[in-house]
């Protein structure tokens, strides 16, 4: 339900933000499956692995993992997890003349939502 709502928001918000299929997938890593990274790392690859097939996102075929915790008989917390193979740089960082254009970039990122 949450993923479906996110996909619907993505479809509806594209025009208002000036987003197109190309701008959504250009220079961005989209959600993917952690097994992709696992097997490539196991085979010795250290390359940046970036999912860029927006069709999977549009069709709701991005894997969503979850766990839950029953806090008592009337409360349940559900955690949803989505995997990103690579997080690109978030911003340019400047301190005392030193410039880091890759600030925030890192490999492997789980995003979590709890309800």
Protein backbone atom coordinates (compact mmCIF):
# COMPACT_ATOMS: atom_id res chain seq x y z
CA UNK A 1 0.00 0.00 0.00
CA UNK A 2 2.77 2.47 0.91
CA UNK A 3 4.80 1.56 -2.18
CA UNK A 4 1.70 1.88 -4.37
CA UNK A 5 1.04 5.35 -2.92
CA UNK A 6 4.67 6.34 -3.55
CA UNK A 7 4.48 5.17 -7.16
CA UNK A 8 1.21 7.07 -7.65
CA UNK A 9 2.81 10.21 -6.15
CA UNK A 10 5.76 9.77 -8.54
CA UNK A 11 3.44 9.51 -11.54
CA UNK A 12 1.36 12.52 -10.49
CA UNK A 13 4.24 14.79 -9.47
CA UNK A 14 6.46 14.45 -12.53
CA UNK A 15 4.96 17.34 -14.48
CA UNK A 16 4.69 19.71 -11.52
CA UNK A 17 8.41 19.26 -10.78
CA UNK A 18 9.47 19.24 -14.45
CA UNK A 19 10.60 15.62 -14.16
CA UNK A 20 10.76 13.31 -17.11
CA UNK A 21 11.70 9.68 -17.48
CA UNK A 22 15.21 10.81 -18.49
CA UNK A 23 15.77 13.25 -15.62
CA UNK A 24 14.56 10.72 -13.06
CA UNK A 25 17.06 8.09 -14.15
CA UNK A 26 19.96 10.32 -15.24
CA UNK A 27 22.75 10.45 -12.65
CA UNK A 28 20.56 8.81 -10.01
CA UNK A 29 20.60 5.41 -8.46
CA UNK A 30 17.11 4.02 -8.11
CA UNK A 31 15.97 1.35 -5.64
CA UNK A 32 17.10 -2.17 -6.45
CA UNK A 33 17.77 -5.57 -4.96
CA UNK A 34 20.63 -6.08 -2.46
CA UNK A 35 21.41 -9.48 -3.99
CA UNK A 36 22.71 -7.67 -7.09
CA UNK A 37 25.40 -5.98 -5.00
CA UNK A 38 26.09 -9.09 -2.93
CA UNK A 39 26.91 -11.26 -5.94
CA UNK A 40 28.99 -8.62 -7.70
CA UNK A 41 31.02 -7.97 -4.53
CA UNK A 42 31.41 -11.69 -3.93
CA UNK A 43 32.83 -11.99 -7.45
CA UNK A 44 35.42 -9.31 -6.66
CA UNK A 45 33.86 -6.20 -8.21
CA UNK A 46 34.42 -2.91 -6.39
CA UNK A 47 32.60 -0.82 -9.01
CA UNK A 48 29.75 1.53 -8.21
CA UNK A 49 26.58 -0.44 -8.82
CA UNK A 50 23.69 1.79 -9.77
CA UNK A 51 20.17 0.66 -10.65
CA UNK A 52 18.89 2.94 -13.39
CA UNK A 53 15.93 1.04 -14.90
CA UNK A 54 13.01 3.31 -14.05
CA UNK A 55 10.59 0.77 -15.55
CA UNK A 56 10.93 -1.38 -12.43
CA UNK A 57 9.97 1.58 -10.26
CA UNK A 58 7.07 2.57 -12.50
CA UNK A 59 5.69 -0.97 -12.50
CA UNK A 60 6.05 -1.43 -8.75
CA UNK A 61 8.61 -4.22 -9.15
CA UNK A 62 11.16 -2.80 -6.70
CA UNK A 63 11.54 -5.21 -3.78
CA UNK A 64 10.32 -3.95 -0.43
CA UNK A 65 11.43 -5.82 2.67
CA UNK A 66 9.69 -5.62 6.01
CA UNK A 67 9.71 -6.75 9.60
CA UNK A 68 7.25 -6.14 12.37
CA UNK A 69 7.13 -5.91 16.11
CA UNK A 70 4.08 -6.60 18.24
CA UNK A 71 4.42 -4.11 21.08
CA UNK A 72 1.33 -5.36 22.88
CA UNK A 73 -2.03 -6.77 21.87
CA UNK A 74 -3.18 -3.50 20.32
CA UNK A 75 0.02 -2.07 18.80
CA UNK A 76 2.07 -3.40 15.88
CA UNK A 77 4.97 -1.55 14.27
CA UNK A 78 5.79 -2.45 10.67
CA UNK A 79 9.16 -1.40 9.22
CA UNK A 80 9.51 -1.25 5.43
CA UNK A 81 13.00 -1.26 3.86
CA UNK A 82 14.09 -0.31 0.33
CA UNK A 83 17.67 -0.87 -0.90
CA UNK A 84 19.78 1.63 -2.85
CA UNK A 85 23.09 0.28 -4.17
CA UNK A 86 24.73 3.70 -4.23
CA UNK A 87 24.01 7.14 -2.78
CA UNK A 88 25.44 9.86 -4.96
CA UNK A 89 26.91 13.03 -3.48
CA UNK A 90 24.31 15.19 -1.77
CA UNK A 91 26.09 18.51 -1.89
CA UNK A 92 29.38 20.28 -2.43
CA UNK A 93 31.24 20.85 0.83
CA UNK A 94 33.75 23.73 1.19
CA UNK A 95 35.90 24.36 4.28
CA UNK A 96 39.02 26.56 4.38
CA UNK A 97 39.54 26.32 0.64
CA UNK A 98 39.15 22.54 0.58
CA UNK A 99 36.35 21.40 -1.73
CA UNK A 100 34.71 17.99 -1.51
CA UNK A 101 32.32 17.44 -4.43
CA UNK A 102 31.48 13.92 -3.27
CA UNK A 103 30.23 14.80 0.23
CA UNK A 104 27.63 12.28 1.34
CA UNK A 105 28.35 9.71 -1.37
CA UNK A 106 28.48 6.12 -0.15
CA UNK A 107 27.90 2.55 -1.27
CA UNK A 108 24.86 0.70 -0.01
CA UNK A 109 21.95 2.38 1.69
CA UNK A 110 18.80 1.00 3.33
CA UNK A 111 15.91 3.45 3.53
CA UNK A 112 13.32 2.65 6.20
CA UNK A 113 9.76 3.70 6.87
CA UNK A 114 7.86 2.63 9.97
CA UNK A 115 4.10 2.58 10.42
